[in-house]
Amino acid sequence: KDKAFAAGADRSVIEKGAAMLGVELAELIADTIDGMRTEAEAIGLKGNL
């Protein structure tokens, strides 16, 4: 793990959100990345995901 990656993110908030959605943290992260890949150009990340 790279501690500098998403250093400003509060992991407990993300974990709580996953629990509220009833999904595992890994599934939430994978779904988020998939969604970002789908919209990469629109969100200015084309070529970075």
PDB file of N, CA and C in Angstrom:
ATOM      1  N   LYS A   1       0.836  -1.185   0.000  1.00  0.00           N
ATOM      2  CA  LYS A   1       0.000   0.000   0.000  1.00  0.00           C
ATOM      3  C   LYS A   1       0.875   1.241   0.000  1.00  0.00           C
ATOM      4  N   ASP A   2       0.446   2.239  -0.734  1.00  0.00           N
ATOM      5  CA  ASP A   2       1.144   3.515  -0.783  1.00  0.00           C
ATOM      6  C   ASP A   2       0.405   4.483   0.136  1.00  0.00           C
ATOM      7  N   LYS A   3       1.012   4.831   1.266  1.00  0.00           N
ATOM      8  CA  LYS A   3       0.346   5.693   2.244  1.00  0.00           C
ATOM      9  C   LYS A   3       0.053   7.084   1.693  1.00  0.00           C
ATOM     10  N   ALA A   4       0.776   7.505   0.661  1.00  0.00           N
ATOM     11  CA  ALA A   4       0.542   8.818   0.070  1.00  0.00           C
ATOM     12  C   ALA A   4      -0.717   8.829  -0.791  1.00  0.00           C
ATOM     13  N   PHE A   5      -1.132   7.640  -1.271  1.00  0.00           N
ATOM     14  CA  PHE A   5      -2.319   7.559  -2.118  1.00  0.00           C
ATOM     15  C   PHE A   5      -3.553   7.858  -1.286  1.00  0.00           C
ATOM     16  N   ALA A   6      -4.347   8.814  -1.717  1.00  0.00           N
ATOM     17  CA  ALA A   6      -5.589   9.206  -1.039  1.00  0.00           C
ATOM     18  C   ALA A   6      -5.339   9.531   0.434  1.00  0.00           C
ATOM     19  N   ALA A   7      -4.233  10.200   0.702  1.00  0.00           N
ATOM     20  CA  ALA A   7      -3.852  10.512   2.079  1.00  0.00           C
ATOM     21  C   ALA A   7      -4.910  11.325   2.814  1.00  0.00           C
ATOM     22  N   GLY A   8      -5.670  12.131   2.089  1.00  0.00           N
ATOM     23  CA  GLY A   8      -6.691  12.963   2.716  1.00  0.00           C
ATOM     24  C   GLY A   8      -8.015  12.268   2.930  1.00  0.00           C
ATOM     25  N   ALA A   9      -8.132  11.037   2.451  1.00  0.00           N
ATOM     26  CA  ALA A   9      -9.399  10.311   2.579  1.00  0.00           C
ATOM     27  C   ALA A   9      -9.527   9.723   3.980  1.00  0.00           C
ATOM     28  N   ASP A  10     -10.708   9.856   4.557  1.00  0.00           N
ATOM     29  CA  ASP A  10     -10.985   9.271   5.868  1.00  0.00           C
ATOM     30  C   ASP A  10     -11.541   7.875   5.644  1.00  0.00           C
ATOM     31  N   ARG A  11     -10.699   6.876   5.838  1.00  0.00           N
ATOM     32  CA  ARG A  11     -11.076   5.490   5.557  1.00  0.00           C
ATOM     33  C   ARG A  11     -12.312   5.064   6.348  1.00  0.00           C
ATOM     34  N   SER A  12     -12.474   5.567   7.555  1.00  0.00           N
ATOM     35  CA  SER A  12     -13.626   5.170   8.366  1.00  0.00           C
ATOM     36  C   SER A  12     -14.934   5.636   7.734  1.00  0.00           C
ATOM     37  N   VAL A  13     -14.910   6.787   7.078  1.00  0.00           N
ATOM     38  CA  VAL A  13     -16.109   7.285   6.393  1.00  0.00           C
ATOM     39  C   VAL A  13     -16.442   6.374   5.213  1.00  0.00           C
ATOM     40  N   ILE A  14     -15.420   5.958   4.483  1.00  0.00           N
ATOM     41  CA  ILE A  14     -15.625   5.070   3.337  1.00  0.00           C
ATOM     42  C   ILE A  14     -16.135   3.711   3.810  1.00  0.00           C
ATOM     43  N   GLU A  15     -15.555   3.191   4.883  1.00  0.00           N
ATOM     44  CA  GLU A  15     -16.006   1.908   5.431  1.00  0.00           C
ATOM     45  C   GLU A  15     -17.452   1.992   5.914  1.00  0.00           C
ATOM     46  N   LYS A  16     -17.812   3.100   6.560  1.00  0.00           N
ATOM     47  CA  LYS A  16     -19.189   3.289   7.033  1.00  0.00           C
ATOM     48  C   LYS A  16     -20.150   3.344   5.846  1.00  0.00           C
ATOM     49  N   GLY A  17     -19.760   4.032   4.786  1.00  0.00           N
ATOM     50  CA  GLY A  17     -20.592   4.097   3.584  1.00  0.00           C
ATOM     51  C   GLY A  17     -20.815   2.730   2.972  1.00  0.00           C
ATOM     52  N   ALA A  18     -19.767   1.924   2.919  1.00  0.00           N
ATOM     53  CA  ALA A  18     -19.897   0.565   2.389  1.00  0.00           C
ATOM     54  C   ALA A  18     -20.864  -0.239   3.244  1.00  0.00           C
ATOM     55  N   ALA A  19     -20.741  -0.113   4.556  1.00  0.00           N
ATOM     56  CA  ALA A  19     -21.641  -0.830   5.466  1.00  0.00           C
ATOM     57  C   ALA A  19     -23.081  -0.373   5.276  1.00  0.00           C
ATOM     58  N   MET A  20     -23.283   0.927   5.102  1.00  0.00           N
ATOM     59  CA  MET A  20     -24.638   1.456   4.890  1.00  0.00           C
ATOM     60  C   MET A  20     -25.243   0.919   3.598  1.00  0.00           C
ATOM     61  N   LEU A  21     -24.398   0.689   2.602  1.00  0.00           N
ATOM     62  CA  LEU A  21     -24.860   0.141   1.324  1.00  0.00           C
ATOM     63  C   LEU A  21     -24.991  -1.375   1.363  1.00  0.00           C
ATOM     64  N   GLY A  22     -24.453  -1.985   2.406  1.00  0.00           N
ATOM     65  CA  GLY A  22     -24.510  -3.440   2.532  1.00  0.00           C
ATOM     66  C   GLY A  22     -23.567  -4.168   1.599  1.00  0.00           C
ATOM     67  N   VAL A  23     -22.421  -3.532   1.295  1.00  0.00           N
ATOM     68  CA  VAL A  23     -21.430  -4.160   0.422  1.00  0.00           C
ATOM     69  C   VAL A  23     -20.076  -4.186   1.126  1.00  0.00           C
ATOM     70  N   GLU A  24     -19.230  -5.104   0.691  1.00  0.00           N
ATOM     71  CA  GLU A  24     -17.869  -5.170   1.217  1.00  0.00           C
ATOM     72  C   GLU A  24     -17.074  -3.974   0.689  1.00  0.00           C
ATOM     73  N   LEU A  25     -16.108  -3.533   1.472  1.00  0.00           N
ATOM     74  CA  LEU A  25     -15.276  -2.398   1.077  1.00  0.00           C
ATOM     75  C   LEU A  25     -14.605  -2.644  -0.271  1.00  0.00           C
ATOM     76  N   ALA A  26     -14.069  -3.832  -0.477  1.00  0.00           N
ATOM     77  CA  ALA A  26     -13.394  -4.151  -1.742  1.00  0.00           C
ATOM     78  C   ALA A  26     -14.347  -4.033  -2.922  1.00  0.00           C
ATOM     79  N   GLU A  27     -15.595  -4.460  -2.733  1.00  0.00           N
ATOM     80  CA  GLU A  27     -16.593  -4.364  -3.807  1.00  0.00           C
ATOM     81  C   GLU A  27     -16.911  -2.903  -4.116  1.00  0.00           C
ATOM     82  N   LEU A  28     -17.056  -2.087  -3.074  1.00  0.00           N
ATOM     83  CA  LEU A  28     -17.338  -0.668  -3.270  1.00  0.00           C
ATOM     84  C   LEU A  28     -16.201   0.007  -4.036  1.00  0.00           C
ATOM     85  N   ILE A  29     -14.978  -0.298  -3.652  1.00  0.00           N
ATOM     86  CA  ILE A  29     -13.822   0.302  -4.324  1.00  0.00           C
ATOM     87  C   ILE A  29     -13.755  -0.145  -5.777  1.00  0.00           C
ATOM     88  N   ALA A  30     -13.957  -1.436  -6.029  1.00  0.00           N
ATOM     89  CA  ALA A  30     -13.929  -1.954  -7.403  1.00  0.00           C
ATOM     90  C   ALA A  30     -15.018  -1.314  -8.251  1.00  0.00           C
ATOM     91  N   ASP A  31     -16.225  -1.197  -7.692  1.00  0.00           N
ATOM     92  CA  ASP A  31     -17.329  -0.575  -8.430  1.00  0.00           C
ATOM     93  C   ASP A  31     -17.043   0.896  -8.718  1.00  0.00           C
ATOM     94  N   THR A  32     -16.433   1.571  -7.757  1.00  0.00           N
ATOM     95  CA  THR A  32     -16.091   2.986  -7.939  1.00  0.00           C
ATOM     96  C   THR A  32     -15.066   3.150  -9.057  1.00  0.00           C
ATOM     97  N   ILE A  33     -14.036   2.317  -9.055  1.00  0.00           N
ATOM     98  CA  ILE A  33     -13.013   2.385 -10.103  1.00  0.00           C
ATOM     99  C   ILE A  33     -13.618   2.059 -11.460  1.00  0.00           C
ATOM    100  N   ASP A  34     -14.473   1.043 -11.519  1.00  0.00           N
ATOM    101  CA  ASP A  34     -15.145   0.699 -12.783  1.00  0.00           C
ATOM    102  C   ASP A  34     -15.956   1.881 -13.301  1.00  0.00           C
ATOM    103  N   GLY A  35     -16.684   2.531 -12.408  1.00  0.00           N
ATOM    104  CA  GLY A  35     -17.477   3.695 -12.805  1.00  0.00           C
ATOM    105  C   GLY A  35     -16.609   4.837 -13.291  1.00  0.00           C
ATOM    106  N   MET A  36     -15.477   5.041 -12.623  1.00  0.00           N
ATOM    107  CA  MET A  36     -14.556   6.095 -13.045  1.00  0.00           C
ATOM    108  C   MET A  36     -13.954   5.776 -14.408  1.00  0.00           C
ATOM    109  N   ARG A  37     -13.672   4.500 -14.658  1.00  0.00           N
ATOM    110  CA  ARG A  37     -13.144   4.110 -15.976  1.00  0.00           C
ATOM    111  C   ARG A  37     -14.169   4.403 -17.062  1.00  0.00           C
ATOM    112  N   THR A  38     -15.424   4.101 -16.784  1.00  0.00           N
ATOM    113  CA  THR A  38     -16.496   4.330 -17.754  1.00  0.00           C
ATOM    114  C   THR A  38     -16.611   5.811 -18.097  1.00  0.00           C
ATOM    115  N   GLU A  39     -16.403   6.660 -17.118  1.00  0.00           N
ATOM    116  CA  GLU A  39     -16.572   8.108 -17.298  1.00  0.00           C
ATOM    117  C   GLU A  39     -15.246   8.862 -17.306  1.00  0.00           C
ATOM    118  N   ALA A  40     -14.146   8.163 -17.553  1.00  0.00           N
ATOM    119  CA  ALA A  40     -12.811   8.762 -17.455  1.00  0.00           C
ATOM    120  C   ALA A  40     -12.666  10.049 -18.259  1.00  0.00           C
ATOM    121  N   GLU A  41     -13.150  10.048 -19.478  1.00  0.00           N
ATOM    122  CA  GLU A  41     -13.007  11.254 -20.299  1.00  0.00           C
ATOM    123  C   GLU A  41     -13.805  12.407 -19.702  1.00  0.00           C
ATOM    124  N   ALA A  42     -15.024  12.136 -19.271  1.00  0.00           N
ATOM    125  CA  ALA A  42     -15.899  13.180 -18.728  1.00  0.00           C
ATOM    126  C   ALA A  42     -15.348  13.780 -17.435  1.00  0.00           C
ATOM    127  N   ILE A  43     -14.619  12.975 -16.656  1.00  0.00           N
ATOM    128  CA  ILE A  43     -14.091  13.481 -15.388  1.00  0.00           C
ATOM    129  C   ILE A  43     -12.606  13.847 -15.471  1.00  0.00           C
ATOM    130  N   GLY A  44     -12.094  13.909 -16.681  1.00  0.00           N
ATOM    131  CA  GLY A  44     -10.726  14.366 -16.899  1.00  0.00           C
ATOM    132  C   GLY A  44      -9.646  13.368 -16.521  1.00  0.00           C
ATOM    133  N   LEU A  45      -9.961  12.071 -16.572  1.00  0.00           N
ATOM    134  CA  LEU A  45      -8.978  11.055 -16.211  1.00  0.00           C
ATOM    135  C   LEU A  45      -8.649  10.097 -17.344  1.00  0.00           C
ATOM    136  N   LYS A  46      -9.049  10.428 -18.556  1.00  0.00           N
ATOM    137  CA  LYS A  46      -8.785   9.527 -19.677  1.00  0.00           C
ATOM    138  C   LYS A  46      -7.284   9.277 -19.793  1.00  0.00           C
ATOM    139  N   GLY A  47      -6.924   7.997 -19.879  1.00  0.00           N
ATOM    140  CA  GLY A  47      -5.527   7.606 -19.974  1.00  0.00           C
ATOM    141  C   GLY A  47      -4.856   7.415 -18.626  1.00  0.00           C
ATOM    142  N   ASN A  48      -5.581   7.700 -17.544  1.00  0.00           N
ATOM    143  CA  ASN A  48      -5.005   7.571 -16.206  1.00  0.00           C
ATOM    144  C   ASN A  48      -5.590   6.424 -15.395  1.00  0.00           C
ATOM    145  N   LEU A  49      -6.619   5.761 -15.921  1.00  0.00           N
ATOM    146  CA  LEU A  49      -7.248   4.669 -15.163  1.00  0.00           C
ATOM    147  C   LEU A  49      -7.096   3.364 -15.895  1.00  0.00           C
TER     148      LEU A  49
END
